[in-house]
């Protein structure tokens, strides 16, 4: 009897241990199921996004509050405040790399400041004998302080002309200066205002010379022909690179100032060939049935006789070829076809 009792007791103990083991297994299984539920988005652990909804590297997604967040979860910072403020031309704005639109450009006069200098000279002297003394004040570098400006401008290629700002002097050499001086903002993205000195050129080919005061010294920025266009963001289109007699107008190159030089970027003109335009103004037209093979051959047929001058007034013509080179983007040599079928060379007087 005693032996049977002990055997039943051992059996009970084994059954109890087995029940405990099964209970533990059931609990572990429940925990595992709970974790899978969390991964499905019902718990505290975030669900793994579907492959199609995962943003790629550098992509952002909205957090539902109107703010843009990066993949780290931090609000994206305004990168405009972190952009470099000095472009390659030193004009102080971030460099613009995209191809400019002609509609963004205006004449230089649109960017002159409404600010007058005090100008004095000897009225008894002839124009070519005069020396202009020009004075004024203006905040030239955007530091909130008025700067003292003085220019001594000689005419007719006389020596000794200079610019002085706050006692910092820069000799500007000589030129056929008219005595006109204006303030201009070449690049609205920087804090500078430049000084524009007018030079009439050797034979009525006027140019503007630009100078900038950076708070420590006066620097020469560069020069450009008087009838150029600019966009107010440091980019220019020279009048020699502009088809100003055509409507709509187009251009062959745009430029910017870099280290005192005007550096151009070529613009594709082949896109304008085969299109019809309206032409205005006086131009030279030389009838020629056969299209010249290159600019050298083209120039062999040009003439500057008055008999070749024609007046155009909204005259329709199709451009059959434009003659420019990679190094010379002067936009003046066209081979066209008029509405009556007449073909020939079209070019304009653009200066000596």
Protein backbone atom coordinates (compact mmCIF):
# COMPACT_ATOMS: atom_id res chain seq x y z
CA UNK A 1 0.00 0.00 0.00
CA UNK A 2 2.71 2.38 0.96
CA UNK A 3 4.54 1.66 -2.32
CA UNK A 4 1.38 2.40 -4.36
CA UNK A 5 0.88 5.63 -2.44
CA UNK A 6 4.44 6.81 -3.21
CA UNK A 7 4.06 5.93 -6.90
CA UNK A 8 0.84 7.94 -7.15
CA UNK A 9 2.53 10.89 -5.39
CA UNK A 10 5.44 10.82 -7.84
CA UNK A 11 2.99 10.67 -10.74
CA UNK A 12 1.11 13.72 -9.38
CA UNK A 13 4.36 15.64 -9.09
CA UNK A 14 5.27 14.83 -12.68
CA UNK A 15 1.84 15.95 -13.86
CA UNK A 16 2.14 19.23 -11.96
CA UNK A 17 5.53 19.92 -13.51
CA UNK A 18 4.08 19.15 -16.94
CA UNK A 19 1.18 21.55 -16.38
CA UNK A 20 3.54 24.33 -15.30
CA UNK A 21 5.67 23.73 -18.38
CA UNK A 22 2.63 23.90 -20.66
CA UNK A 23 1.45 27.09 -18.96
CA UNK A 24 4.86 28.73 -19.53
CA UNK A 25 4.80 27.72 -23.19
CA UNK A 26 1.35 29.24 -23.58
CA UNK A 27 2.53 32.55 -22.06
CA UNK A 28 5.57 32.71 -24.32
CA UNK A 29 3.38 32.07 -27.34
CA UNK A 30 1.05 34.90 -26.32
CA UNK A 31 3.98 37.32 -25.97
CA UNK A 32 5.27 36.40 -29.41
CA UNK A 33 1.82 36.99 -30.88
CA UNK A 34 1.62 40.39 -29.16
CA UNK A 35 4.94 41.44 -30.70
CA UNK A 36 3.74 40.48 -34.15
CA UNK A 37 0.64 42.56 -33.55
CA UNK A 38 2.81 45.55 -32.62
CA UNK A 39 4.79 45.14 -35.83
CA UNK A 40 1.49 45.24 -37.72
CA UNK A 41 0.92 48.77 -36.41
CA UNK A 42 -1.35 47.97 -33.42
CA UNK A 43 1.27 48.34 -30.71
CA UNK A 44 4.06 50.68 -29.74
CA UNK A 45 6.59 49.52 -32.34
CA UNK A 46 6.07 51.29 -35.71
CA UNK A 47 5.04 49.16 -38.64
CA UNK A 48 7.52 48.68 -41.48
CA UNK A 49 6.32 50.82 -44.42
CA UNK A 50 5.39 49.16 -47.67
CA UNK A 51 8.14 49.20 -50.27
CA UNK A 52 6.29 51.62 -52.52
CA UNK A 53 5.71 54.15 -49.71
CA UNK A 54 9.30 54.32 -48.40
CA UNK A 55 11.00 57.60 -49.30
CA UNK A 56 14.26 57.23 -51.15
CA UNK A 57 17.50 58.80 -49.92
CA UNK A 58 17.09 62.56 -49.83
CA UNK A 59 13.30 62.37 -50.24
CA UNK A 60 11.01 63.81 -47.56
CA UNK A 61 7.48 63.11 -46.45
CA UNK A 62 4.87 65.22 -44.72
CA UNK A 63 4.39 64.64 -40.99
CA UNK A 64 0.75 65.70 -41.09
CA UNK A 65 1.28 69.08 -39.40
CA UNK A 66 2.28 71.08 -42.46
CA UNK A 67 6.01 70.87 -41.70
CA UNK A 68 8.46 69.01 -43.87
CA UNK A 69 10.63 66.48 -42.12
CA UNK A 70 13.69 64.61 -43.24
CA UNK A 71 14.13 60.86 -42.64
CA UNK A 72 15.67 61.59 -39.25
CA UNK A 73 12.35 63.07 -38.09
CA UNK A 74 13.80 66.56 -37.56
CA UNK A 75 12.05 69.47 -39.28
CA UNK A 76 13.87 70.35 -42.52
CA UNK A 77 15.80 73.58 -42.16
CA UNK A 78 15.42 76.47 -44.56
CA UNK A 79 18.42 75.88 -46.78
CA UNK A 80 18.13 79.34 -48.30
CA UNK A 81 19.60 80.80 -45.14
CA UNK A 82 22.58 78.46 -45.40
CA UNK A 83 23.36 79.13 -49.07
CA UNK A 84 26.74 80.58 -49.85
CA UNK A 85 26.55 84.35 -50.19
CA UNK A 86 29.52 84.73 -52.49
CA UNK A 87 29.15 83.48 -56.04
CA UNK A 88 31.96 82.91 -58.49
CA UNK A 89 31.78 86.51 -59.67
CA UNK A 90 32.11 87.82 -56.13
CA UNK A 91 28.77 89.60 -56.42
CA UNK A 92 27.61 88.06 -53.17
CA UNK A 93 24.69 85.95 -54.39
CA UNK A 94 24.44 82.23 -54.91
CA UNK A 95 25.58 81.28 -58.39
CA UNK A 96 22.79 80.70 -60.91
CA UNK A 97 23.50 77.84 -63.28
CA UNK A 98 20.28 77.48 -65.27
CA UNK A 99 19.82 78.99 -68.74
CA UNK A 100 18.38 82.49 -68.36
CA UNK A 101 15.06 83.52 -69.88
CA UNK A 102 15.20 86.63 -72.05
CA UNK A 103 11.96 87.90 -70.49
CA UNK A 104 13.84 88.28 -67.17
CA UNK A 105 16.19 90.92 -68.63
CA UNK A 106 15.71 94.68 -68.75
CA UNK A 107 17.77 97.66 -69.86
CA UNK A 108 20.49 98.87 -67.52
CA UNK A 109 18.54 102.06 -66.85
CA UNK A 110 15.92 100.06 -64.95
CA UNK A 111 18.51 99.23 -62.28
CA UNK A 112 19.99 102.69 -61.70
CA UNK A 113 19.38 104.04 -58.21
CA UNK A 114 17.32 107.18 -57.87
CA UNK A 115 20.22 109.01 -56.30
CA UNK A 116 21.92 112.15 -57.53
CA UNK A 117 25.52 113.19 -56.99
CA UNK A 118 26.77 116.75 -56.58
CA UNK A 119 28.68 117.46 -59.81
CA UNK A 120 30.93 120.44 -60.39
CA UNK A 121 33.26 121.51 -63.21
CA UNK A 122 34.60 124.64 -64.88
CA UNK A 123 31.80 125.75 -67.19
CA UNK A 124 34.20 127.96 -69.15
CA UNK A 125 36.05 124.94 -70.44
CA UNK A 126 35.13 123.03 -73.57
CA UNK A 127 33.63 119.62 -73.03
CA UNK A 128 36.80 117.75 -73.93
CA UNK A 129 38.80 119.90 -71.52
CA UNK A 130 36.66 119.42 -68.44
CA UNK A 131 37.45 117.65 -65.20
CA UNK A 132 34.40 116.59 -63.22
CA UNK A 133 34.36 116.53 -59.42
CA UNK A 134 31.58 114.27 -58.18
CA UNK A 135 30.55 113.97 -54.52
CA UNK A 136 27.90 112.09 -52.61
CA UNK A 137 27.07 109.71 -49.78
CA UNK A 138 25.47 106.27 -49.91
CA UNK A 139 25.60 102.96 -48.10
CA UNK A 140 27.74 101.09 -50.65
CA UNK A 141 28.24 97.78 -48.83
CA UNK A 142 25.00 97.35 -46.90
CA UNK A 143 26.42 97.83 -43.41
CA UNK A 144 23.89 100.52 -42.55
CA UNK A 145 26.47 103.32 -42.61
CA UNK A 146 26.62 106.13 -45.17
CA UNK A 147 29.87 106.08 -47.17
CA UNK A 148 31.63 109.20 -48.42
CA UNK A 149 32.06 109.04 -52.21
CA UNK A 150 34.28 111.24 -54.38
CA UNK A 151 35.23 110.88 -58.03
CA UNK A 152 37.62 112.93 -60.11
CA UNK A 153 36.79 112.25 -63.76
CA UNK A 154 38.86 113.64 -66.62
CA UNK A 155 37.62 113.72 -70.20
CA UNK A 156 39.19 113.05 -73.60
CA UNK A 157 41.53 110.33 -72.31
CA UNK A 158 43.26 112.58 -69.83
CA UNK A 159 45.09 110.87 -66.99
CA UNK A 160 44.45 111.14 -63.26
CA UNK A 161 40.85 109.99 -62.89
CA UNK A 162 40.05 108.11 -59.70
CA UNK A 163 37.35 106.96 -57.28
CA UNK A 164 37.60 107.41 -53.53
CA UNK A 165 35.25 105.92 -50.93
CA UNK A 166 35.88 106.64 -47.24
CA UNK A 167 39.43 107.62 -48.11
CA UNK A 168 40.11 104.39 -50.05
CA UNK A 169 41.30 105.44 -53.49
CA UNK A 170 41.39 103.59 -56.80
CA UNK A 171 42.80 105.06 -60.02
CA UNK A 172 40.51 104.35 -62.94
CA UNK A 173 42.93 105.19 -65.71
CA UNK A 174 41.67 107.20 -68.63
CA UNK A 175 38.85 107.07 -71.13
CA UNK A 176 36.45 109.19 -73.12
CA UNK A 177 34.42 109.81 -69.98
CA UNK A 178 31.27 111.89 -70.26
CA UNK A 179 31.23 112.87 -66.59
CA UNK A 180 28.00 110.99 -65.94
CA UNK A 181 28.12 108.69 -62.93
CA UNK A 182 25.30 106.60 -61.49
CA UNK A 183 24.69 104.09 -58.74
CA UNK A 184 23.46 100.67 -59.83
CA UNK A 185 22.61 97.36 -58.16
CA UNK A 186 24.19 94.64 -60.30
CA UNK A 187 23.00 91.78 -58.11
CA UNK A 188 20.04 92.13 -55.77
CA UNK A 189 21.10 88.99 -53.88
CA UNK A 190 24.11 90.72 -52.32
CA UNK A 191 24.44 93.77 -50.11
CA UNK A 192 26.49 95.88 -52.53
CA UNK A 193 25.62 98.88 -54.66
CA UNK A 194 28.04 99.61 -57.48
CA UNK A 195 29.27 102.84 -59.07
CA UNK A 196 28.77 103.08 -62.85
CA UNK A 197 31.09 105.42 -64.76
CA UNK A 198 30.03 106.30 -68.31
CA UNK A 199 32.62 106.10 -71.10
CA UNK A 200 31.53 107.26 -74.55
CA UNK A 201 34.19 105.15 -76.23
CA UNK A 202 36.43 106.13 -79.13
CA UNK A 203 33.64 106.60 -81.70
CA UNK A 204 30.25 106.72 -79.99
CA UNK A 205 30.54 103.15 -78.71
CA UNK A 206 29.56 103.82 -75.07
CA UNK A 207 30.38 101.42 -72.26
CA UNK A 208 29.82 101.41 -68.52
CA UNK A 209 32.61 100.72 -66.02
CA UNK A 210 31.51 99.25 -62.69
CA UNK A 211 33.25 99.70 -59.33
CA UNK A 212 32.43 98.24 -55.92
CA UNK A 213 33.37 99.25 -52.38
CA UNK A 214 33.45 96.21 -50.07
CA UNK A 215 34.02 98.11 -46.82
CA UNK A 216 37.81 97.93 -47.09
CA UNK A 217 38.73 98.92 -50.64
CA UNK A 218 37.36 99.89 -54.05
CA UNK A 219 37.55 97.20 -56.74
CA UNK A 220 36.94 97.21 -60.47
CA UNK A 221 34.08 94.82 -61.26
CA UNK A 222 34.13 95.00 -65.07
CA UNK A 223 32.69 96.86 -68.05
CA UNK A 224 29.95 96.25 -70.59
CA UNK A 225 28.43 98.06 -73.54
CA UNK A 226 25.88 100.71 -72.67
CA UNK A 227 22.91 99.06 -74.37
CA UNK A 228 23.23 95.67 -72.72
CA UNK A 229 20.47 94.01 -70.73
CA UNK A 230 20.66 92.65 -67.18
CA UNK A 231 18.43 90.61 -64.89
CA UNK A 232 19.43 92.16 -61.57
CA UNK A 233 20.96 88.88 -60.40
CA UNK A 234 24.44 89.32 -61.79
CA UNK A 235 23.71 88.18 -65.35
CA UNK A 236 23.94 90.25 -68.53
CA UNK A 237 23.27 90.01 -72.24
CA UNK A 238 25.48 92.24 -74.33
CA UNK A 239 23.77 94.15 -77.13
CA UNK A 240 26.28 92.47 -79.48
CA UNK A 241 24.80 89.11 -78.48
CA UNK A 242 21.18 90.20 -78.87
CA UNK A 243 19.06 90.05 -82.05
CA UNK A 244 17.37 93.33 -81.19
CA UNK A 245 15.94 93.93 -84.69
CA UNK A 246 14.04 90.64 -84.61
CA UNK A 247 10.67 90.06 -82.98
CA UNK A 248 10.60 88.08 -80.83
CA UNK A 249 14.17 88.79 -79.85
CA UNK A 250 16.74 86.09 -79.06
CA UNK A 251 20.36 85.93 -77.93
CA UNK A 252 23.60 84.02 -78.56
CA UNK A 253 25.34 84.30 -75.16
CA UNK A 254 24.89 85.61 -71.63
CA UNK A 255 27.63 86.72 -69.27
CA UNK A 256 28.68 87.60 -65.74
CA UNK A 257 31.61 89.38 -64.16
CA UNK A 258 34.36 87.22 -62.71
CA UNK A 259 37.50 88.77 -61.25
CA UNK A 260 37.19 91.94 -63.29
CA UNK A 261 36.42 90.20 -66.58
CA UNK A 262 33.21 89.63 -68.49
CA UNK A 263 32.88 85.88 -68.97
CA UNK A 264 30.26 84.57 -71.39
CA UNK A 265 28.30 81.34 -71.62
CA UNK A 266 27.18 80.38 -75.13
CA UNK A 267 23.50 79.97 -75.90
CA UNK A 268 22.32 77.62 -78.66
CA UNK A 269 21.16 79.61 -81.71
CA UNK A 270 20.38 76.63 -83.94
CA UNK A 271 16.94 76.53 -82.33
CA UNK A 272 16.05 79.78 -84.12
CA UNK A 273 16.96 78.57 -87.61
CA UNK A 274 13.96 77.73 -89.76
CA UNK A 275 11.62 80.05 -87.85
CA UNK A 276 9.90 83.17 -89.17
CA UNK A 277 10.36 86.53 -87.45
CA UNK A 278 9.38 90.15 -87.93
CA UNK A 279 12.27 92.53 -88.64
CA UNK A 280 12.37 96.26 -87.86
CA UNK A 281 14.90 98.99 -88.51
CA UNK A 282 17.57 99.73 -91.08
CA UNK A 283 19.73 96.85 -92.19
CA UNK A 284 21.93 95.74 -95.04
CA UNK A 285 20.43 93.18 -97.40
CA UNK A 286 22.52 91.56 -100.13
CA UNK A 287 20.51 89.25 -102.45
CA UNK A 288 22.20 85.86 -102.74
CA UNK A 289 20.54 82.66 -103.92
CA UNK A 290 23.19 80.29 -102.61
CA UNK A 291 23.70 80.01 -98.87
CA UNK A 292 27.33 80.72 -97.79
CA UNK A 293 29.08 77.70 -96.30
CA UNK A 294 30.70 79.58 -93.41
CA UNK A 295 31.25 83.06 -92.00
CA UNK A 296 34.40 83.58 -94.08
CA UNK A 297 32.46 83.01 -97.29
CA UNK A 298 29.60 85.11 -95.93
CA UNK A 299 31.84 88.12 -95.31
CA UNK A 300 33.16 87.97 -98.87
CA UNK A 301 29.73 89.06 -100.06
CA UNK A 302 29.11 91.83 -97.52
CA UNK A 303 29.17 95.47 -98.51
CA UNK A 304 28.64 98.70 -96.59
CA UNK A 305 27.30 100.69 -99.53
CA UNK A 306 24.17 102.73 -98.89
CA UNK A 307 22.59 101.08 -101.90
CA UNK A 308 22.38 97.86 -99.86
CA UNK A 309 20.49 99.46 -96.98
CA UNK A 310 16.84 98.48 -96.63
CA UNK A 311 14.19 99.71 -94.26
CA UNK A 312 12.30 96.95 -92.46
CA UNK A 313 8.99 97.59 -90.73
CA UNK A 314 7.50 94.41 -89.36
CA UNK A 315 8.86 92.60 -92.40
CA UNK A 316 8.45 88.84 -92.17
CA UNK A 317 11.51 86.70 -92.92
CA UNK A 318 12.56 83.14 -92.27
CA UNK A 319 16.03 82.59 -90.84
CA UNK A 320 17.85 80.00 -92.94
CA UNK A 321 21.20 80.27 -91.17
CA UNK A 322 22.99 82.19 -88.40
CA UNK A 323 26.75 82.65 -88.57
CA UNK A 324 28.47 82.66 -85.16
CA UNK A 325 31.45 80.82 -83.73
CA UNK A 326 32.19 79.35 -80.32
CA UNK A 327 34.65 82.16 -79.59
CA UNK A 328 32.79 85.08 -81.21
CA UNK A 329 29.09 85.22 -80.34
CA UNK A 330 28.42 88.48 -82.20
CA UNK A 331 24.85 88.02 -83.42
CA UNK A 332 24.76 90.01 -86.65
CA UNK A 333 25.20 87.72 -89.65
CA UNK A 334 22.00 86.12 -90.96
CA UNK A 335 20.94 84.37 -94.15
CA UNK A 336 17.20 84.86 -94.63
CA UNK A 337 14.31 84.31 -96.98
CA UNK A 338 11.73 87.06 -97.39
CA UNK A 339 8.03 86.42 -97.83
CA UNK A 340 8.32 86.91 -101.60
CA UNK A 341 10.91 84.12 -101.82
CA UNK A 342 13.93 86.41 -102.16
CA UNK A 343 16.99 85.12 -100.32
CA UNK A 344 20.06 86.98 -99.15
CA UNK A 345 22.38 88.20 -96.44
CA UNK A 346 21.02 90.36 -93.63
CA UNK A 347 23.28 92.29 -91.26
CA UNK A 348 23.31 95.57 -89.35
CA UNK A 349 25.64 98.41 -88.46
CA UNK A 350 26.71 97.68 -84.90
CA UNK A 351 29.67 100.06 -84.55
CA UNK A 352 33.30 100.32 -85.59
